[in-house]
């Protein structure tokens, strides 16, 4: 498993923990794909990612709308990977 796959696996686990569902479309999962991914869950999800990876995501991630794969790319970018 490469670094991106490992990061995505951890993000998917965080997503399931916060939202209560597994990502329905993997990296392509969008908020409209999951009924439990509302604005409150989104903020909790962003905070969980930042805590888990010890990084700060760009402000644009505070607004829902990005697929899960972009969260993984942002984490890797923040970590310089």
PDB file of N, CA and C in Angstrom:
ATOM      1  N   UNK A   1       0.853  -1.183   0.000  1.00  0.00           N
ATOM      2  CA  UNK A   1       0.000   0.000   0.000  1.00  0.00           C
ATOM      3  C   UNK A   1       0.893   1.239   0.000  1.00  0.00           C
ATOM      4  N   UNK A   2       0.678   2.142  -0.955  1.00  0.00           N
ATOM      5  CA  UNK A   2       1.494   3.346  -1.010  1.00  0.00           C
ATOM      6  C   UNK A   2       0.964   4.409  -0.035  1.00  0.00           C
ATOM      7  N   UNK A   3       1.665   5.513   0.063  1.00  0.00           N
ATOM      8  CA  UNK A   3       1.329   6.558   1.040  1.00  0.00           C
ATOM      9  C   UNK A   3      -0.061   7.125   0.779  1.00  0.00           C
ATOM     10  N   UNK A   4      -0.382   7.382  -0.475  1.00  0.00           N
ATOM     11  CA  UNK A   4      -1.703   7.934  -0.788  1.00  0.00           C
ATOM     12  C   UNK A   4      -2.819   6.957  -0.415  1.00  0.00           C
ATOM     13  N   UNK A   5      -2.638   5.689  -0.748  1.00  0.00           N
ATOM     14  CA  UNK A   5      -3.650   4.684  -0.405  1.00  0.00           C
ATOM     15  C   UNK A   5      -3.820   4.572   1.107  1.00  0.00           C
ATOM     16  N   UNK A   6      -2.707   4.599   1.830  1.00  0.00           N
ATOM     17  CA  UNK A   6      -2.764   4.529   3.288  1.00  0.00           C
ATOM     18  C   UNK A   6      -3.483   5.758   3.861  1.00  0.00           C
ATOM     19  N   UNK A   7      -3.173   6.925   3.336  1.00  0.00           N
ATOM     20  CA  UNK A   7      -3.823   8.156   3.783  1.00  0.00           C
ATOM     21  C   UNK A   7      -5.320   8.092   3.491  1.00  0.00           C
ATOM     22  N   UNK A   8      -5.685   7.646   2.300  1.00  0.00           N
ATOM     23  CA  UNK A   8      -7.094   7.544   1.926  1.00  0.00           C
ATOM     24  C   UNK A   8      -7.819   6.535   2.806  1.00  0.00           C
ATOM     25  N   UNK A   9      -7.158   5.451   3.158  1.00  0.00           N
ATOM     26  CA  UNK A   9      -7.752   4.456   4.043  1.00  0.00           C
ATOM     27  C   UNK A   9      -8.058   5.055   5.413  1.00  0.00           C
ATOM     28  N   UNK A  10      -7.125   5.824   5.932  1.00  0.00           N
ATOM     29  CA  UNK A  10      -7.334   6.486   7.234  1.00  0.00           C
ATOM     30  C   UNK A  10      -8.444   7.525   7.150  1.00  0.00           C
ATOM     31  N   UNK A  11      -8.492   8.274   6.058  1.00  0.00           N
ATOM     32  CA  UNK A  11      -9.548   9.276   5.883  1.00  0.00           C
ATOM     33  C   UNK A  11     -10.908   8.593   5.772  1.00  0.00           C
ATOM     34  N   UNK A  12     -10.981   7.483   5.069  1.00  0.00           N
ATOM     35  CA  UNK A  12     -12.235   6.741   4.950  1.00  0.00           C
ATOM     36  C   UNK A  12     -12.708   6.242   6.311  1.00  0.00           C
ATOM     37  N   UNK A  13     -11.774   5.781   7.137  1.00  0.00           N
ATOM     38  CA  UNK A  13     -12.128   5.326   8.483  1.00  0.00           C
ATOM     39  C   UNK A  13     -12.631   6.487   9.334  1.00  0.00           C
ATOM     40  N   UNK A  14     -11.976   7.641   9.220  1.00  0.00           N
ATOM     41  CA  UNK A  14     -12.437   8.832   9.944  1.00  0.00           C
ATOM     42  C   UNK A  14     -13.830   9.232   9.471  1.00  0.00           C
ATOM     43  N   UNK A  15     -14.036   9.194   8.171  1.00  0.00           N
ATOM     44  CA  UNK A  15     -15.334   9.540   7.601  1.00  0.00           C
ATOM     45  C   UNK A  15     -16.421   8.634   8.175  1.00  0.00           C
ATOM     46  N   UNK A  16     -16.168   7.339   8.175  1.00  0.00           N
ATOM     47  CA  UNK A  16     -17.147   6.388   8.705  1.00  0.00           C
ATOM     48  C   UNK A  16     -17.423   6.642  10.180  1.00  0.00           C
ATOM     49  N   UNK A  17     -16.387   6.999  10.919  1.00  0.00           N
ATOM     50  CA  UNK A  17     -16.541   7.283  12.345  1.00  0.00           C
ATOM     51  C   UNK A  17     -17.391   8.528  12.589  1.00  0.00           C
ATOM     52  N   UNK A  18     -17.163   9.569  11.805  1.00  0.00           N
ATOM     53  CA  UNK A  18     -17.864  10.843  11.997  1.00  0.00           C
ATOM     54  C   UNK A  18     -19.271  10.808  11.404  1.00  0.00           C
ATOM     55  N   UNK A  19     -19.391  10.317  10.186  1.00  0.00           N
ATOM     56  CA  UNK A  19     -20.664  10.365   9.464  1.00  0.00           C
ATOM     57  C   UNK A  19     -21.538   9.143   9.771  1.00  0.00           C
ATOM     58  N   UNK A  20     -20.904   8.050  10.156  1.00  0.00           N
ATOM     59  CA  UNK A  20     -21.665   6.842  10.478  1.00  0.00           C
ATOM     60  C   UNK A  20     -21.936   5.957   9.279  1.00  0.00           C
ATOM     61  N   UNK A  21     -21.267   6.227   8.170  1.00  0.00           N
ATOM     62  CA  UNK A  21     -21.416   5.426   6.953  1.00  0.00           C
ATOM     63  C   UNK A  21     -20.072   5.346   6.245  1.00  0.00           C
ATOM     64  N   UNK A  22     -19.871   4.282   5.501  1.00  0.00           N
ATOM     65  CA  UNK A  22     -18.652   4.203   4.707  1.00  0.00           C
ATOM     66  C   UNK A  22     -18.836   5.063   3.454  1.00  0.00           C
ATOM     67  N   UNK A  23     -17.753   5.594   2.909  1.00  0.00           N
ATOM     68  CA  UNK A  23     -17.861   6.403   1.690  1.00  0.00           C
ATOM     69  C   UNK A  23     -18.416   5.550   0.551  1.00  0.00           C
ATOM     70  N   UNK A  24     -19.526   5.952  -0.011  1.00  0.00           N
ATOM     71  CA  UNK A  24     -20.232   5.155  -1.008  1.00  0.00           C
ATOM     72  C   UNK A  24     -19.497   5.034  -2.339  1.00  0.00           C
ATOM     73  N   UNK A  25     -18.704   6.039  -2.678  1.00  0.00           N
ATOM     74  CA  UNK A  25     -18.003   6.036  -3.965  1.00  0.00           C
ATOM     75  C   UNK A  25     -16.498   6.175  -3.789  1.00  0.00           C
ATOM     76  N   UNK A  26     -15.985   5.750  -2.645  1.00  0.00           N
ATOM     77  CA  UNK A  26     -14.550   5.833  -2.399  1.00  0.00           C
ATOM     78  C   UNK A  26     -14.048   7.261  -2.470  1.00  0.00           C
ATOM     79  N   UNK A  27     -12.947   7.473  -3.176  1.00  0.00           N
ATOM     80  CA  UNK A  27     -12.339   8.800  -3.279  1.00  0.00           C
ATOM     81  C   UNK A  27     -13.251   9.810  -3.962  1.00  0.00           C
ATOM     82  N   UNK A  28     -14.193   9.346  -4.755  1.00  0.00           N
ATOM     83  CA  UNK A  28     -15.086  10.240  -5.493  1.00  0.00           C
ATOM     84  C   UNK A  28     -16.319  10.638  -4.683  1.00  0.00           C
ATOM     85  N   UNK A  29     -16.450  10.137  -3.458  1.00  0.00           N
ATOM     86  CA  UNK A  29     -17.621  10.430  -2.633  1.00  0.00           C
ATOM     87  C   UNK A  29     -17.745  11.925  -2.369  1.00  0.00           C
ATOM     88  N   UNK A  30     -18.933  12.451  -2.636  1.00  0.00           N
ATOM     89  CA  UNK A  30     -19.265  13.857  -2.419  1.00  0.00           C
ATOM     90  C   UNK A  30     -20.336  13.963  -1.329  1.00  0.00           C
ATOM     91  N   UNK A  31     -20.495  15.136  -0.718  1.00  0.00           N
ATOM     92  CA  UNK A  31     -21.515  15.294   0.319  1.00  0.00           C
ATOM     93  C   UNK A  31     -22.914  14.869  -0.139  1.00  0.00           C
ATOM     94  N   UNK A  32     -23.282  15.149  -1.372  1.00  0.00           N
ATOM     95  CA  UNK A  32     -24.617  14.785  -1.840  1.00  0.00           C
ATOM     96  C   UNK A  32     -24.799  13.283  -2.006  1.00  0.00           C
ATOM     97  N   UNK A  33     -23.702  12.510  -1.932  1.00  0.00           N
ATOM     98  CA  UNK A  33     -23.783  11.053  -2.050  1.00  0.00           C
ATOM     99  C   UNK A  33     -24.162  10.378  -0.732  1.00  0.00           C
ATOM    100  N   UNK A  34     -24.007  11.101   0.386  1.00  0.00           N
ATOM    101  CA  UNK A  34     -24.188  10.498   1.707  1.00  0.00           C
ATOM    102  C   UNK A  34     -25.132  11.377   2.528  1.00  0.00           C
ATOM    103  N   UNK A  35     -26.288  10.831   2.891  1.00  0.00           N
ATOM    104  CA  UNK A  35     -27.302  11.636   3.586  1.00  0.00           C
ATOM    105  C   UNK A  35     -26.822  12.176   4.934  1.00  0.00           C
ATOM    106  N   UNK A  36     -25.922  11.494   5.598  1.00  0.00           N
ATOM    107  CA  UNK A  36     -25.448  11.937   6.903  1.00  0.00           C
ATOM    108  C   UNK A  36     -24.336  12.972   6.860  1.00  0.00           C
ATOM    109  N   UNK A  37     -23.877  13.323   5.650  1.00  0.00           N
ATOM    110  CA  UNK A  37     -22.777  14.274   5.512  1.00  0.00           C
ATOM    111  C   UNK A  37     -23.362  15.677   5.404  1.00  0.00           C
ATOM    112  N   UNK A  38     -23.844  16.187   6.536  1.00  0.00           N
ATOM    113  CA  UNK A  38     -24.408  17.532   6.573  1.00  0.00           C
ATOM    114  C   UNK A  38     -23.335  18.524   7.021  1.00  0.00           C
ATOM    115  N   UNK A  39     -23.718  19.780   7.219  1.00  0.00           N
ATOM    116  CA  UNK A  39     -22.723  20.809   7.529  1.00  0.00           C
ATOM    117  C   UNK A  39     -22.019  20.564   8.861  1.00  0.00           C
ATOM    118  N   UNK A  40     -22.741  20.096   9.859  1.00  0.00           N
ATOM    119  CA  UNK A  40     -22.114  19.820  11.154  1.00  0.00           C
ATOM    120  C   UNK A  40     -21.148  18.637  11.038  1.00  0.00           C
ATOM    121  N   UNK A  41     -21.582  17.582  10.375  1.00  0.00           N
ATOM    122  CA  UNK A  41     -20.705  16.422  10.182  1.00  0.00           C
ATOM    123  C   UNK A  41     -19.464  16.826   9.385  1.00  0.00           C
ATOM    124  N   UNK A  42     -19.629  17.729   8.438  1.00  0.00           N
ATOM    125  CA  UNK A  42     -18.496  18.170   7.631  1.00  0.00           C
ATOM    126  C   UNK A  42     -17.431  18.848   8.494  1.00  0.00           C
ATOM    127  N   UNK A  43     -17.856  19.766   9.357  1.00  0.00           N
ATOM    128  CA  UNK A  43     -16.908  20.463  10.235  1.00  0.00           C
ATOM    129  C   UNK A  43     -16.241  19.472  11.181  1.00  0.00           C
ATOM    130  N   UNK A  44     -17.000  18.533  11.706  1.00  0.00           N
ATOM    131  CA  UNK A  44     -16.424  17.504  12.590  1.00  0.00           C
ATOM    132  C   UNK A  44     -15.426  16.635  11.829  1.00  0.00           C
ATOM    133  N   UNK A  45     -15.730  16.330  10.584  1.00  0.00           N
ATOM    134  CA  UNK A  45     -14.845  15.525   9.737  1.00  0.00           C
ATOM    135  C   UNK A  45     -13.528  16.254   9.463  1.00  0.00           C
ATOM    136  N   UNK A  46     -13.613  17.526   9.103  1.00  0.00           N
ATOM    137  CA  UNK A  46     -12.403  18.323   8.850  1.00  0.00           C
ATOM    138  C   UNK A  46     -11.543  18.368  10.112  1.00  0.00           C
ATOM    139  N   UNK A  47     -12.171  18.611  11.251  1.00  0.00           N
ATOM    140  CA  UNK A  47     -11.432  18.674  12.516  1.00  0.00           C
ATOM    141  C   UNK A  47     -10.783  17.320  12.827  1.00  0.00           C
ATOM    142  N   UNK A  48     -11.500  16.226  12.581  1.00  0.00           N
ATOM    143  CA  UNK A  48     -10.955  14.884  12.835  1.00  0.00           C
ATOM    144  C   UNK A  48      -9.728  14.619  11.957  1.00  0.00           C
ATOM    145  N   UNK A  49      -9.784  15.050  10.708  1.00  0.00           N
ATOM    146  CA  UNK A  49      -8.633  14.879   9.805  1.00  0.00           C
ATOM    147  C   UNK A  49      -7.440  15.672  10.330  1.00  0.00           C
ATOM    148  N   UNK A  50      -7.671  16.923  10.688  1.00  0.00           N
ATOM    149  CA  UNK A  50      -6.573  17.761  11.173  1.00  0.00           C
ATOM    150  C   UNK A  50      -5.946  17.177  12.441  1.00  0.00           C
ATOM    151  N   UNK A  51      -6.757  16.655  13.318  1.00  0.00           N
ATOM    152  CA  UNK A  51      -6.244  16.026  14.547  1.00  0.00           C
ATOM    153  C   UNK A  51      -5.468  14.755  14.231  1.00  0.00           C
ATOM    154  N   UNK A  52      -6.039  13.921  13.401  1.00  0.00           N
ATOM    155  CA  UNK A  52      -5.424  12.626  13.061  1.00  0.00           C
ATOM    156  C   UNK A  52      -4.070  12.788  12.378  1.00  0.00           C
ATOM    157  N   UNK A  53      -3.980  13.749  11.471  1.00  0.00           N
ATOM    158  CA  UNK A  53      -2.767  13.899  10.674  1.00  0.00           C
ATOM    159  C   UNK A  53      -1.852  15.014  11.161  1.00  0.00           C
ATOM    160  N   UNK A  54      -2.268  15.747  12.180  1.00  0.00           N
ATOM    161  CA  UNK A  54      -1.436  16.813  12.728  1.00  0.00           C
ATOM    162  C   UNK A  54      -1.144  17.906  11.716  1.00  0.00           C
ATOM    163  N   UNK A  55      -2.149  18.259  10.938  1.00  0.00           N
ATOM    164  CA  UNK A  55      -1.969  19.299   9.927  1.00  0.00           C
ATOM    165  C   UNK A  55      -3.187  20.213   9.924  1.00  0.00           C
ATOM    166  N   UNK A  56      -3.062  21.303   9.185  1.00  0.00           N
ATOM    167  CA  UNK A  56      -4.195  22.211   9.017  1.00  0.00           C
ATOM    168  C   UNK A  56      -4.560  22.226   7.543  1.00  0.00           C
ATOM    169  N   UNK A  57      -5.817  21.922   7.265  1.00  0.00           N
ATOM    170  CA  UNK A  57      -6.275  21.940   5.884  1.00  0.00           C
ATOM    171  C   UNK A  57      -6.534  23.380   5.446  1.00  0.00           C
ATOM    172  N   UNK A  58      -6.394  23.665   4.170  1.00  0.00           N
ATOM    173  CA  UNK A  58      -6.712  25.010   3.674  1.00  0.00           C
ATOM    174  C   UNK A  58      -8.172  25.366   3.978  1.00  0.00           C
ATOM    175  N   UNK A  59      -8.445  26.660   4.141  1.00  0.00           N
ATOM    176  CA  UNK A  59      -9.787  27.121   4.490  1.00  0.00           C
ATOM    177  C   UNK A  59     -10.858  26.633   3.528  1.00  0.00           C
ATOM    178  N   UNK A  60     -10.502  26.459   2.276  1.00  0.00           N
ATOM    179  CA  UNK A  60     -11.488  26.020   1.280  1.00  0.00           C
ATOM    180  C   UNK A  60     -12.126  24.678   1.649  1.00  0.00           C
ATOM    181  N   UNK A  61     -11.471  23.901   2.509  1.00  0.00           N
ATOM    182  CA  UNK A  61     -12.015  22.612   2.920  1.00  0.00           C
ATOM    183  C   UNK A  61     -13.080  22.744   4.001  1.00  0.00           C
ATOM    184  N   UNK A  62     -13.242  23.935   4.553  1.00  0.00           N
ATOM    185  CA  UNK A  62     -14.297  24.154   5.548  1.00  0.00           C
ATOM    186  C   UNK A  62     -15.670  24.221   4.900  1.00  0.00           C
ATOM    187  N   UNK A  63     -15.699  24.459   3.600  1.00  0.00           N
ATOM    188  CA  UNK A  63     -16.954  24.496   2.861  1.00  0.00           C
ATOM    189  C   UNK A  63     -17.141  23.133   2.207  1.00  0.00           C
ATOM    190  N   UNK A  64     -18.290  22.517   2.451  1.00  0.00           N
ATOM    191  CA  UNK A  64     -18.561  21.197   1.882  1.00  0.00           C
ATOM    192  C   UNK A  64     -18.609  21.270   0.365  1.00  0.00           C
ATOM    193  N   UNK A  65     -18.252  20.190  -0.284  1.00  0.00           N
ATOM    194  CA  UNK A  65     -18.354  20.122  -1.731  1.00  0.00           C
ATOM    195  C   UNK A  65     -17.224  19.369  -2.398  1.00  0.00           C
ATOM    196  N   UNK A  66     -16.156  19.137  -1.682  1.00  0.00           N
ATOM    197  CA  UNK A  66     -15.005  18.451  -2.267  1.00  0.00           C
ATOM    198  C   UNK A  66     -15.140  16.935  -2.086  1.00  0.00           C
ATOM    199  N   UNK A  67     -14.678  16.166  -3.072  1.00  0.00           N
ATOM    200  CA  UNK A  67     -14.678  14.708  -2.914  1.00  0.00           C
ATOM    201  C   UNK A  67     -13.602  14.277  -1.909  1.00  0.00           C
ATOM    202  N   UNK A  68     -13.768  13.101  -1.341  1.00  0.00           N
ATOM    203  CA  UNK A  68     -12.831  12.619  -0.322  1.00  0.00           C
ATOM    204  C   UNK A  68     -11.392  12.560  -0.826  1.00  0.00           C
ATOM    205  N   UNK A  69     -11.199  12.242  -2.080  1.00  0.00           N
ATOM    206  CA  UNK A  69      -9.842  12.165  -2.622  1.00  0.00           C
ATOM    207  C   UNK A  69      -9.078  13.477  -2.499  1.00  0.00           C
ATOM    208  N   UNK A  70      -9.782  14.594  -2.570  1.00  0.00           N
ATOM    209  CA  UNK A  70      -9.114  15.895  -2.428  1.00  0.00           C
ATOM    210  C   UNK A  70      -8.648  16.126  -0.991  1.00  0.00           C
ATOM    211  N   UNK A  71      -9.335  15.531  -0.027  1.00  0.00           N
ATOM    212  CA  UNK A  71      -8.874  15.618   1.355  1.00  0.00           C
ATOM    213  C   UNK A  71      -7.541  14.897   1.508  1.00  0.00           C
ATOM    214  N   UNK A  72      -7.420  13.729   0.884  1.00  0.00           N
ATOM    215  CA  UNK A  72      -6.166  12.975   0.948  1.00  0.00           C
ATOM    216  C   UNK A  72      -5.040  13.773   0.299  1.00  0.00           C
ATOM    217  N   UNK A  73      -5.306  14.378  -0.854  1.00  0.00           N
ATOM    218  CA  UNK A  73      -4.286  15.174  -1.536  1.00  0.00           C
ATOM    219  C   UNK A  73      -3.871  16.358  -0.686  1.00  0.00           C
ATOM    220  N   UNK A  74      -4.826  17.000  -0.013  1.00  0.00           N
ATOM    221  CA  UNK A  74      -4.509  18.153   0.837  1.00  0.00           C
ATOM    222  C   UNK A  74      -3.670  17.741   2.051  1.00  0.00           C
ATOM    223  N   UNK A  75      -3.995  16.591   2.632  1.00  0.00           N
ATOM    224  CA  UNK A  75      -3.210  16.092   3.770  1.00  0.00           C
ATOM    225  C   UNK A  75      -1.776  15.821   3.327  1.00  0.00           C
ATOM    226  N   UNK A  76      -1.613  15.141   2.207  1.00  0.00           N
ATOM    227  CA  UNK A  76      -0.277  14.826   1.715  1.00  0.00           C
ATOM    228  C   UNK A  76       0.486  16.096   1.383  1.00  0.00           C
ATOM    229  N   UNK A  77      -0.200  17.081   0.819  1.00  0.00           N
ATOM    230  CA  UNK A  77       0.440  18.362   0.524  1.00  0.00           C
ATOM    231  C   UNK A  77       0.876  19.090   1.790  1.00  0.00           C
ATOM    232  N   UNK A  78       0.030  19.051   2.811  1.00  0.00           N
ATOM    233  CA  UNK A  78       0.342  19.714   4.075  1.00  0.00           C
ATOM    234  C   UNK A  78       1.511  19.037   4.779  1.00  0.00           C
ATOM    235  N   UNK A  79       1.652  17.743   4.550  1.00  0.00           N
ATOM    236  CA  UNK A  79       2.737  16.997   5.186  1.00  0.00           C
ATOM    237  C   UNK A  79       3.999  16.977   4.324  1.00  0.00           C
ATOM    238  N   UNK A  80       3.917  17.574   3.138  1.00  0.00           N
ATOM    239  CA  UNK A  80       5.078  17.610   2.253  1.00  0.00           C
ATOM    240  C   UNK A  80       5.414  16.277   1.636  1.00  0.00           C
ATOM    241  N   UNK A  81       4.405  15.399   1.541  1.00  0.00           N
ATOM    242  CA  UNK A  81       4.648  14.063   0.978  1.00  0.00           C
ATOM    243  C   UNK A  81       4.533  14.060  -0.528  1.00  0.00           C
TER     244      UNK A  81
END
